[in-house]
Amino acid sequence: MNLSSQLIKQQISGKAAELGFLKIGFAKAEVLHEESQQLKLWLDNGFQADMNWIENGFDKRKDVSLILENARTVISLAYNYYTENKIDDDKPKISRYA
């Protein structure tokens, strides 16, 4: 990795931390052969329950270039959105398993 790439990663990581993300990862944008086989098995077993959108986007999960043709890197972020078990009708709700 060259110095320019390292600097860009540092800048992105810094901004992500500033925005409250807990973790960040960078991966080469490539076809995920092994991972997609594991996902296919998981889907074939019905583990997605009623989350059909997972299966509907299978090809795009396998190959990010179907979403963005010239993608070179995939950036993944982790954010803790945990909230107490309080019901507040004025705030959006996100399921805990999401």
PDB file of N, CA and C in Angstrom:
ATOM      1  N   MET A   1       0.852  -1.176   0.000  1.00  0.00           N
ATOM      2  CA  MET A   1       0.000   0.000   0.000  1.00  0.00           C
ATOM      3  C   MET A   1       0.893   1.233   0.000  1.00  0.00           C
ATOM      4  N   ASN A   2       0.566   2.162  -0.867  1.00  0.00           N
ATOM      5  CA  ASN A   2       1.390   3.359  -0.945  1.00  0.00           C
ATOM      6  C   ASN A   2       0.964   4.399   0.093  1.00  0.00           C
ATOM      7  N   LEU A   3       1.782   5.410   0.240  1.00  0.00           N
ATOM      8  CA  LEU A   3       1.562   6.440   1.248  1.00  0.00           C
ATOM      9  C   LEU A   3       0.232   7.159   1.034  1.00  0.00           C
ATOM     10  N   SER A   4      -0.132   7.416  -0.214  1.00  0.00           N
ATOM     11  CA  SER A   4      -1.388   8.093  -0.523  1.00  0.00           C
ATOM     12  C   SER A   4      -2.582   7.263  -0.052  1.00  0.00           C
ATOM     13  N   SER A   5      -2.557   5.951  -0.303  1.00  0.00           N
ATOM     14  CA  SER A   5      -3.642   5.073   0.136  1.00  0.00           C
ATOM     15  C   SER A   5      -3.745   5.033   1.651  1.00  0.00           C
ATOM     16  N   GLN A   6      -2.605   5.000   2.324  1.00  0.00           N
ATOM     17  CA  GLN A   6      -2.592   4.991   3.788  1.00  0.00           C
ATOM     18  C   GLN A   6      -3.200   6.270   4.343  1.00  0.00           C
ATOM     19  N   LEU A   7      -2.851   7.394   3.729  1.00  0.00           N
ATOM     20  CA  LEU A   7      -3.371   8.688   4.174  1.00  0.00           C
ATOM     21  C   LEU A   7      -4.887   8.748   3.989  1.00  0.00           C
ATOM     22  N   ILE A   8      -5.379   8.260   2.856  1.00  0.00           N
ATOM     23  CA  ILE A   8      -6.821   8.248   2.602  1.00  0.00           C
ATOM     24  C   ILE A   8      -7.525   7.378   3.633  1.00  0.00           C
ATOM     25  N   LYS A   9      -6.981   6.205   3.915  1.00  0.00           N
ATOM     26  CA  LYS A   9      -7.581   5.328   4.923  1.00  0.00           C
ATOM     27  C   LYS A   9      -7.600   5.994   6.297  1.00  0.00           C
ATOM     28  N   GLN A  10      -6.524   6.673   6.645  1.00  0.00           N
ATOM     29  CA  GLN A  10      -6.469   7.373   7.932  1.00  0.00           C
ATOM     30  C   GLN A  10      -7.524   8.474   8.002  1.00  0.00           C
ATOM     31  N   GLN A  11      -7.697   9.201   6.903  1.00  0.00           N
ATOM     32  CA  GLN A  11      -8.691  10.274   6.876  1.00  0.00           C
ATOM     33  C   GLN A  11     -10.110   9.715   7.004  1.00  0.00           C
ATOM     34  N   ILE A  12     -10.386   8.639   6.285  1.00  0.00           N
ATOM     35  CA  ILE A  12     -11.708   8.015   6.355  1.00  0.00           C
ATOM     36  C   ILE A  12     -11.945   7.459   7.756  1.00  0.00           C
ATOM     37  N   SER A  13     -10.953   6.794   8.313  1.00  0.00           N
ATOM     38  CA  SER A  13     -11.073   6.230   9.662  1.00  0.00           C
ATOM     39  C   SER A  13     -11.304   7.330  10.694  1.00  0.00           C
ATOM     40  N   GLY A  14     -10.588   8.430  10.566  1.00  0.00           N
ATOM     41  CA  GLY A  14     -10.759   9.559  11.484  1.00  0.00           C
ATOM     42  C   GLY A  14     -12.147  10.145  11.405  1.00  0.00           C
ATOM     43  N   LYS A  15     -12.667  10.317  10.197  1.00  0.00           N
ATOM     44  CA  LYS A  15     -14.009  10.869  10.022  1.00  0.00           C
ATOM     45  C   LYS A  15     -15.062   9.906  10.570  1.00  0.00           C
ATOM     46  N   ALA A  16     -14.864   8.613  10.338  1.00  0.00           N
ATOM     47  CA  ALA A  16     -15.799   7.611  10.856  1.00  0.00           C
ATOM     48  C   ALA A  16     -15.845   7.658  12.382  1.00  0.00           C
ATOM     49  N   ALA A  17     -14.692   7.749  13.016  1.00  0.00           N
ATOM     50  CA  ALA A  17     -14.635   7.843  14.481  1.00  0.00           C
ATOM     51  C   ALA A  17     -15.320   9.120  14.959  1.00  0.00           C
ATOM     52  N   GLU A  18     -15.077  10.205  14.253  1.00  0.00           N
ATOM     53  CA  GLU A  18     -15.693  11.496  14.600  1.00  0.00           C
ATOM     54  C   GLU A  18     -17.223  11.406  14.535  1.00  0.00           C
ATOM     55  N   LEU A  19     -17.733  10.611  13.607  1.00  0.00           N
ATOM     56  CA  LEU A  19     -19.176  10.451  13.433  1.00  0.00           C
ATOM     57  C   LEU A  19     -19.780   9.419  14.383  1.00  0.00           C
ATOM     58  N   GLY A  20     -18.934   8.769  15.175  1.00  0.00           N
ATOM     59  CA  GLY A  20     -19.431   7.852  16.182  1.00  0.00           C
ATOM     60  C   GLY A  20     -19.365   6.374  15.831  1.00  0.00           C
ATOM     61  N   PHE A  21     -18.756   6.033  14.706  1.00  0.00           N
ATOM     62  CA  PHE A  21     -18.612   4.629  14.359  1.00  0.00           C
ATOM     63  C   PHE A  21     -17.549   3.995  15.251  1.00  0.00           C
ATOM     64  N   LEU A  22     -17.803   2.765  15.681  1.00  0.00           N
ATOM     65  CA  LEU A  22     -16.908   2.092  16.618  1.00  0.00           C
ATOM     66  C   LEU A  22     -15.789   1.340  15.926  1.00  0.00           C
ATOM     67  N   LYS A  23     -16.061   0.839  14.737  1.00  0.00           N
ATOM     68  CA  LYS A  23     -15.055   0.083  13.992  1.00  0.00           C
ATOM     69  C   LYS A  23     -15.194   0.400  12.518  1.00  0.00           C
ATOM     70  N   ILE A  24     -14.086   0.196  11.818  1.00  0.00           N
ATOM     71  CA  ILE A  24     -14.087   0.378  10.373  1.00  0.00           C
ATOM     72  C   ILE A  24     -13.172  -0.683   9.776  1.00  0.00           C
ATOM     73  N   GLY A  25     -13.573  -1.172   8.620  1.00  0.00           N
ATOM     74  CA  GLY A  25     -12.759  -2.164   7.928  1.00  0.00           C
ATOM     75  C   GLY A  25     -12.702  -1.854   6.447  1.00  0.00           C
ATOM     76  N   PHE A  26     -11.595  -2.198   5.834  1.00  0.00           N
ATOM     77  CA  PHE A  26     -11.397  -1.990   4.406  1.00  0.00           C
ATOM     78  C   PHE A  26     -11.105  -3.340   3.769  1.00  0.00           C
ATOM     79  N   ALA A  27     -11.781  -3.643   2.667  1.00  0.00           N
ATOM     80  CA  ALA A  27     -11.563  -4.916   1.976  1.00  0.00           C
ATOM     81  C   ALA A  27     -11.525  -4.669   0.478  1.00  0.00           C
ATOM     82  N   LYS A  28     -10.744  -5.462  -0.202  1.00  0.00           N
ATOM     83  CA  LYS A  28     -10.670  -5.380  -1.651  1.00  0.00           C
ATOM     84  C   LYS A  28     -12.035  -5.744  -2.231  1.00  0.00           C
ATOM     85  N   ALA A  29     -12.512  -4.970  -3.186  1.00  0.00           N
ATOM     86  CA  ALA A  29     -13.784  -5.243  -3.847  1.00  0.00           C
ATOM     87  C   ALA A  29     -13.562  -6.350  -4.869  1.00  0.00           C
ATOM     88  N   GLU A  30     -13.979  -7.555  -4.495  1.00  0.00           N
ATOM     89  CA  GLU A  30     -13.795  -8.700  -5.371  1.00  0.00           C
ATOM     90  C   GLU A  30     -14.976  -9.651  -5.199  1.00  0.00           C
ATOM     91  N   VAL A  31     -15.134 -10.565  -6.136  1.00  0.00           N
ATOM     92  CA  VAL A  31     -16.213 -11.544  -6.053  1.00  0.00           C
ATOM     93  C   VAL A  31     -15.966 -12.448  -4.842  1.00  0.00           C
ATOM     94  N   LEU A  32     -16.995 -12.623  -4.038  1.00  0.00           N
ATOM     95  CA  LEU A  32     -16.888 -13.411  -2.812  1.00  0.00           C
ATOM     96  C   LEU A  32     -17.380 -14.835  -3.074  1.00  0.00           C
ATOM     97  N   HIS A  33     -16.532 -15.654  -3.644  1.00  0.00           N
ATOM     98  CA  HIS A  33     -16.917 -17.010  -4.021  1.00  0.00           C
ATOM     99  C   HIS A  33     -17.258 -17.868  -2.804  1.00  0.00           C
ATOM    100  N   GLU A  34     -16.325 -18.011  -1.880  1.00  0.00           N
ATOM    101  CA  GLU A  34     -16.538 -18.868  -0.711  1.00  0.00           C
ATOM    102  C   GLU A  34     -17.655 -18.339   0.183  1.00  0.00           C
ATOM    103  N   GLU A  35     -17.634 -17.054   0.434  1.00  0.00           N
ATOM    104  CA  GLU A  35     -18.635 -16.440   1.315  1.00  0.00           C
ATOM    105  C   GLU A  35     -20.032 -16.576   0.726  1.00  0.00           C
ATOM    106  N   SER A  36     -20.162 -16.413  -0.600  1.00  0.00           N
ATOM    107  CA  SER A  36     -21.478 -16.516  -1.215  1.00  0.00           C
ATOM    108  C   SER A  36     -21.995 -17.954  -1.182  1.00  0.00           C
ATOM    109  N   GLN A  37     -21.107 -18.945  -1.230  1.00  0.00           N
ATOM    110  CA  GLN A  37     -21.525 -20.341  -1.081  1.00  0.00           C
ATOM    111  C   GLN A  37     -22.089 -20.572   0.317  1.00  0.00           C
ATOM    112  N   GLN A  38     -21.447 -19.979   1.327  1.00  0.00           N
ATOM    113  CA  GLN A  38     -21.932 -20.111   2.704  1.00  0.00           C
ATOM    114  C   GLN A  38     -23.283 -19.415   2.868  1.00  0.00           C
ATOM    115  N   LEU A  39     -23.444 -18.241   2.258  1.00  0.00           N
ATOM    116  CA  LEU A  39     -24.714 -17.524   2.314  1.00  0.00           C
ATOM    117  C   LEU A  39     -25.798 -18.331   1.615  1.00  0.00           C
ATOM    118  N   LYS A  40     -25.484 -18.917   0.477  1.00  0.00           N
ATOM    119  CA  LYS A  40     -26.456 -19.727  -0.265  1.00  0.00           C
ATOM    120  C   LYS A  40     -26.938 -20.891   0.592  1.00  0.00           C
ATOM    121  N   LEU A  41     -26.041 -21.565   1.280  1.00  0.00           N
ATOM    122  CA  LEU A  41     -26.414 -22.664   2.163  1.00  0.00           C
ATOM    123  C   LEU A  41     -27.325 -22.162   3.292  1.00  0.00           C
ATOM    124  N   TRP A  42     -26.968 -21.029   3.864  1.00  0.00           N
ATOM    125  CA  TRP A  42     -27.759 -20.411   4.938  1.00  0.00           C
ATOM    126  C   TRP A  42     -29.166 -20.107   4.433  1.00  0.00           C
ATOM    127  N   LEU A  43     -29.262 -19.541   3.222  1.00  0.00           N
ATOM    128  CA  LEU A  43     -30.565 -19.234   2.622  1.00  0.00           C
ATOM    129  C   LEU A  43     -31.343 -20.511   2.325  1.00  0.00           C
ATOM    130  N   ASP A  44     -30.666 -21.513   1.764  1.00  0.00           N
ATOM    131  CA  ASP A  44     -31.318 -22.786   1.440  1.00  0.00           C
ATOM    132  C   ASP A  44     -31.898 -23.457   2.677  1.00  0.00           C
ATOM    133  N   ASN A  45     -31.301 -23.197   3.827  1.00  0.00           N
ATOM    134  CA  ASN A  45     -31.805 -23.736   5.092  1.00  0.00           C
ATOM    135  C   ASN A  45     -32.944 -22.902   5.676  1.00  0.00           C
ATOM    136  N   GLY A  46     -33.265 -21.793   5.037  1.00  0.00           N
ATOM    137  CA  GLY A  46     -34.375 -20.957   5.478  1.00  0.00           C
ATOM    138  C   GLY A  46     -34.087 -20.093   6.682  1.00  0.00           C
ATOM    139  N   PHE A  47     -32.810 -19.880   6.982  1.00  0.00           N
ATOM    140  CA  PHE A  47     -32.453 -19.107   8.165  1.00  0.00           C
ATOM    141  C   PHE A  47     -32.803 -17.623   8.051  1.00  0.00           C
ATOM    142  N   GLN A  48     -33.134 -17.155   6.844  1.00  0.00           N
ATOM    143  CA  GLN A  48     -33.491 -15.748   6.658  1.00  0.00           C
ATOM    144  C   GLN A  48     -34.926 -15.459   7.087  1.00  0.00           C
ATOM    145  N   ALA A  49     -35.688 -16.503   7.433  1.00  0.00           N
ATOM    146  CA  ALA A  49     -37.086 -16.362   7.858  1.00  0.00           C
ATOM    147  C   ALA A  49     -37.857 -15.535   6.830  1.00  0.00           C
ATOM    148  N   ASP A  50     -38.442 -14.415   7.241  1.00  0.00           N
ATOM    149  CA  ASP A  50     -39.219 -13.603   6.297  1.00  0.00           C
ATOM    150  C   ASP A  50     -38.413 -12.427   5.731  1.00  0.00           C
ATOM    151  N   MET A  51     -37.109 -12.467   5.880  1.00  0.00           N
ATOM    152  CA  MET A  51     -36.252 -11.389   5.357  1.00  0.00           C
ATOM    153  C   MET A  51     -35.839 -11.727   3.916  1.00  0.00           C
ATOM    154  N   ASN A  52     -36.823 -11.735   3.005  1.00  0.00           N
ATOM    155  CA  ASN A  52     -36.595 -12.134   1.616  1.00  0.00           C
ATOM    156  C   ASN A  52     -35.636 -11.213   0.879  1.00  0.00           C
ATOM    157  N   TRP A  53     -35.477 -10.011   1.357  1.00  0.00           N
ATOM    158  CA  TRP A  53     -34.573  -9.065   0.708  1.00  0.00           C
ATOM    159  C   TRP A  53     -33.142  -9.584   0.694  1.00  0.00           C
ATOM    160  N   ILE A  54     -32.788 -10.456   1.627  1.00  0.00           N
ATOM    161  CA  ILE A  54     -31.430 -11.007   1.645  1.00  0.00           C
ATOM    162  C   ILE A  54     -31.209 -11.864   0.408  1.00  0.00           C
ATOM    163  N   GLU A  55     -32.175 -12.720   0.104  1.00  0.00           N
ATOM    164  CA  GLU A  55     -32.064 -13.585  -1.074  1.00  0.00           C
ATOM    165  C   GLU A  55     -32.218 -12.786  -2.364  1.00  0.00           C
ATOM    166  N   ASN A  56     -33.096 -11.792  -2.356  1.00  0.00           N
ATOM    167  CA  ASN A  56     -33.319 -10.983  -3.559  1.00  0.00           C
ATOM    168  C   ASN A  56     -32.057 -10.276  -4.025  1.00  0.00           C
ATOM    169  N   GLY A  57     -31.177  -9.911  -3.119  1.00  0.00           N
ATOM    170  CA  GLY A  57     -29.946  -9.210  -3.473  1.00  0.00           C
ATOM    171  C   GLY A  57     -28.729 -10.107  -3.509  1.00  0.00           C
ATOM    172  N   PHE A  58     -28.925 -11.414  -3.652  1.00  0.00           N
ATOM    173  CA  PHE A  58     -27.822 -12.372  -3.546  1.00  0.00           C
ATOM    174  C   PHE A  58     -26.671 -12.053  -4.502  1.00  0.00           C
ATOM    175  N   ASP A  59     -26.962 -11.838  -5.770  1.00  0.00           N
ATOM    176  CA  ASP A  59     -25.890 -11.594  -6.744  1.00  0.00           C
ATOM    177  C   ASP A  59     -25.079 -10.348  -6.403  1.00  0.00           C
ATOM    178  N   LYS A  60     -25.744  -9.320  -5.903  1.00  0.00           N
ATOM    179  CA  LYS A  60     -25.041  -8.089  -5.528  1.00  0.00           C
ATOM    180  C   LYS A  60     -24.199  -8.286  -4.275  1.00  0.00           C
ATOM    181  N   ARG A  61     -24.618  -9.188  -3.410  1.00  0.00           N
ATOM    182  CA  ARG A  61     -23.820  -9.500  -2.220  1.00  0.00           C
ATOM    183  C   ARG A  61     -22.568 -10.276  -2.607  1.00  0.00           C
ATOM    184  N   LYS A  62     -22.703 -11.084  -3.638  1.00  0.00           N
ATOM    185  CA  LYS A  62     -21.577 -11.882  -4.116  1.00  0.00           C
ATOM    186  C   LYS A  62     -20.559 -11.025  -4.862  1.00  0.00           C
ATOM    187  N   ASP A  63     -21.050 -10.055  -5.634  1.00  0.00           N
ATOM    188  CA  ASP A  63     -20.176  -9.263  -6.511  1.00  0.00           C
ATOM    189  C   ASP A  63     -20.562  -7.787  -6.448  1.00  0.00           C
ATOM    190  N   VAL A  64     -19.818  -7.011  -5.679  1.00  0.00           N
ATOM    191  CA  VAL A  64     -20.125  -5.588  -5.483  1.00  0.00           C
ATOM    192  C   VAL A  64     -20.050  -4.787  -6.790  1.00  0.00           C
ATOM    193  N   SER A  65     -19.355  -5.302  -7.793  1.00  0.00           N
ATOM    194  CA  SER A  65     -19.276  -4.572  -9.063  1.00  0.00           C
ATOM    195  C   SER A  65     -20.635  -4.502  -9.765  1.00  0.00           C
ATOM    196  N   LEU A  66     -21.594  -5.315  -9.342  1.00  0.00           N
ATOM    197  CA  LEU A  66     -22.950  -5.222  -9.884  1.00  0.00           C
ATOM    198  C   LEU A  66     -23.687  -4.000  -9.331  1.00  0.00           C
ATOM    199  N   ILE A  67     -23.156  -3.448  -8.249  1.00  0.00           N
ATOM    200  CA  ILE A  67     -23.717  -2.225  -7.665  1.00  0.00           C
ATOM    201  C   ILE A  67     -22.933  -1.010  -8.154  1.00  0.00           C
ATOM    202  N   LEU A  68     -21.620  -1.115  -8.089  1.00  0.00           N
ATOM    203  CA  LEU A  68     -20.730  -0.028  -8.504  1.00  0.00           C
ATOM    204  C   LEU A  68     -19.604  -0.637  -9.325  1.00  0.00           C
ATOM    205  N   GLU A  69     -19.699  -0.482 -10.626  1.00  0.00           N
ATOM    206  CA  GLU A  69     -18.836  -1.180 -11.571  1.00  0.00           C
ATOM    207  C   GLU A  69     -17.345  -1.040 -11.301  1.00  0.00           C
ATOM    208  N   ASN A  70     -16.897   0.136 -10.955  1.00  0.00           N
ATOM    209  CA  ASN A  70     -15.462   0.376 -10.787  1.00  0.00           C
ATOM    210  C   ASN A  70     -15.001   0.371  -9.329  1.00  0.00           C
ATOM    211  N   ALA A  71     -15.789  -0.240  -8.454  1.00  0.00           N
ATOM    212  CA  ALA A  71     -15.424  -0.287  -7.035  1.00  0.00           C
ATOM    213  C   ALA A  71     -14.093  -1.012  -6.862  1.00  0.00           C
ATOM    214  N   ARG A  72     -13.239  -0.459  -6.025  1.00  0.00           N
ATOM    215  CA  ARG A  72     -11.945  -1.086  -5.731  1.00  0.00           C
ATOM    216  C   ARG A  72     -11.842  -1.510  -4.282  1.00  0.00           C
ATOM    217  N   THR A  73     -12.567  -0.802  -3.404  1.00  0.00           N
ATOM    218  CA  THR A  73     -12.505  -1.091  -1.972  1.00  0.00           C
ATOM    219  C   THR A  73     -13.908  -1.025  -1.389  1.00  0.00           C
ATOM    220  N   VAL A  74     -14.183  -1.937  -0.463  1.00  0.00           N
ATOM    221  CA  VAL A  74     -15.439  -1.915   0.276  1.00  0.00           C
ATOM    222  C   VAL A  74     -15.105  -1.463   1.697  1.00  0.00           C
ATOM    223  N   ILE A  75     -15.832  -0.474   2.175  1.00  0.00           N
ATOM    224  CA  ILE A  75     -15.630   0.041   3.521  1.00  0.00           C
ATOM    225  C   ILE A  75     -16.816  -0.392   4.369  1.00  0.00           C
ATOM    226  N   SER A  76     -16.529  -1.078   5.463  1.00  0.00           N
ATOM    227  CA  SER A  76     -17.582  -1.540   6.381  1.00  0.00           C
ATOM    228  C   SER A  76     -17.440  -0.789   7.696  1.00  0.00           C
ATOM    229  N   LEU A  77     -18.572  -0.399   8.254  1.00  0.00           N
ATOM    230  CA  LEU A  77     -18.593   0.371   9.489  1.00  0.00           C
ATOM    231  C   LEU A  77     -19.460  -0.315  10.526  1.00  0.00           C
ATOM    232  N   ALA A  78     -19.099  -0.194  11.798  1.00  0.00           N
ATOM    233  CA  ALA A  78     -19.902  -0.721  12.896  1.00  0.00           C
ATOM    234  C   ALA A  78     -20.342   0.441  13.776  1.00  0.00           C
ATOM    235  N   TYR A  79     -21.628   0.450  14.087  1.00  0.00           N
ATOM    236  CA  TYR A  79     -22.201   1.501  14.921  1.00  0.00           C
ATOM    237  C   TYR A  79     -23.109   0.863  15.956  1.00  0.00           C
ATOM    238  N   ASN A  80     -22.951   1.196  17.203  1.00  0.00           N
ATOM    239  CA  ASN A  80     -23.790   0.668  18.272  1.00  0.00           C
ATOM    240  C   ASN A  80     -25.002   1.568  18.417  1.00  0.00           C
ATOM    241  N   TYR A  81     -26.150   1.041  18.062  1.00  0.00           N
ATOM    242  CA  TYR A  81     -27.372   1.826  18.182  1.00  0.00           C
ATOM    243  C   TYR A  81     -28.242   1.348  19.338  1.00  0.00           C
ATOM    244  N   TYR A  82     -27.634   0.600  20.265  1.00  0.00           N
ATOM    245  CA  TYR A  82     -28.387   0.073  21.406  1.00  0.00           C
ATOM    246  C   TYR A  82     -29.080   1.200  22.168  1.00  0.00           C
ATOM    247  N   THR A  83     -30.308   0.935  22.512  1.00  0.00           N
ATOM    248  CA  THR A  83     -31.058   1.862  23.362  1.00  0.00           C
ATOM    249  C   THR A  83     -31.725   1.055  24.466  1.00  0.00           C
ATOM    250  N   GLU A  84     -32.058   1.706  25.535  1.00  0.00           N
ATOM    251  CA  GLU A  84     -32.781   1.058  26.622  1.00  0.00           C
ATOM    252  C   GLU A  84     -34.153   0.607  26.115  1.00  0.00           C
ATOM    253  N   ASN A  85     -34.816  -0.223  26.863  1.00  0.00           N
ATOM    254  CA  ASN A  85     -36.124  -0.744  26.475  1.00  0.00           C
ATOM    255  C   ASN A  85     -37.248   0.237  26.785  1.00  0.00           C
ATOM    256  N   LYS A  86     -37.030   1.498  26.521  1.00  0.00           N
ATOM    257  CA  LYS A  86     -38.046   2.515  26.754  1.00  0.00           C
ATOM    258  C   LYS A  86     -38.798   2.756  25.444  1.00  0.00           C
ATOM    259  N   ILE A  87     -40.094   2.949  25.555  1.00  0.00           N
ATOM    260  CA  ILE A  87     -40.897   3.258  24.368  1.00  0.00           C
ATOM    261  C   ILE A  87     -41.092   4.762  24.314  1.00  0.00           C
ATOM    262  N   ASP A  88     -40.679   5.356  23.240  1.00  0.00           N
ATOM    263  CA  ASP A  88     -40.814   6.791  23.024  1.00  0.00           C
ATOM    264  C   ASP A  88     -41.364   6.972  21.617  1.00  0.00           C
ATOM    265  N   ASP A  89     -42.606   7.364  21.526  1.00  0.00           N
ATOM    266  CA  ASP A  89     -43.261   7.475  20.223  1.00  0.00           C
ATOM    267  C   ASP A  89     -42.661   8.558  19.333  1.00  0.00           C
ATOM    268  N   ASP A  90     -41.848   9.433  19.895  1.00  0.00           N
ATOM    269  CA  ASP A  90     -41.251  10.503  19.110  1.00  0.00           C
ATOM    270  C   ASP A  90     -39.930  10.104  18.465  1.00  0.00           C
ATOM    271  N   LYS A  91     -39.419   8.900  18.787  1.00  0.00           N
ATOM    272  CA  LYS A  91     -38.122   8.475  18.264  1.00  0.00           C
ATOM    273  C   LYS A  91     -38.292   7.274  17.350  1.00  0.00           C
ATOM    274  N   PRO A  92     -37.451   7.178  16.325  1.00  0.00           N
ATOM    275  CA  PRO A  92     -37.536   6.013  15.444  1.00  0.00           C
ATOM    276  C   PRO A  92     -37.140   4.738  16.184  1.00  0.00           C
ATOM    277  N   LYS A  93     -37.624   3.618  15.698  1.00  0.00           N
ATOM    278  CA  LYS A  93     -37.332   2.338  16.327  1.00  0.00           C
ATOM    279  C   LYS A  93     -36.541   1.479  15.343  1.00  0.00           C
ATOM    280  N   ILE A  94     -35.489   0.845  15.837  1.00  0.00           N
ATOM    281  CA  ILE A  94     -34.683  -0.062  15.039  1.00  0.00           C
ATOM    282  C   ILE A  94     -34.698  -1.399  15.766  1.00  0.00           C
ATOM    283  N   SER A  95     -34.979  -2.458  15.029  1.00  0.00           N
ATOM    284  CA  SER A  95     -35.024  -3.781  15.672  1.00  0.00           C
ATOM    285  C   SER A  95     -33.631  -4.148  16.206  1.00  0.00           C
ATOM    286  N   ARG A  96     -33.604  -4.891  17.279  1.00  0.00           N
ATOM    287  CA  ARG A  96     -32.336  -5.238  17.925  1.00  0.00           C
ATOM    288  C   ARG A  96     -31.490  -6.183  17.086  1.00  0.00           C
ATOM    289  N   TYR A  97     -32.117  -6.985  16.210  1.00  0.00           N
ATOM    290  CA  TYR A  97     -31.349  -7.934  15.415  1.00  0.00           C
ATOM    291  C   TYR A  97     -30.775  -7.310  14.150  1.00  0.00           C
ATOM    292  N   ALA A  98     -31.176  -6.096  13.831  1.00  0.00           N
ATOM    293  CA  ALA A  98     -30.766  -5.470  12.558  1.00  0.00           C
ATOM    294  C   ALA A  98     -29.267  -5.278  12.465  1.00  0.00           C
TER     295      ALA A  98
END
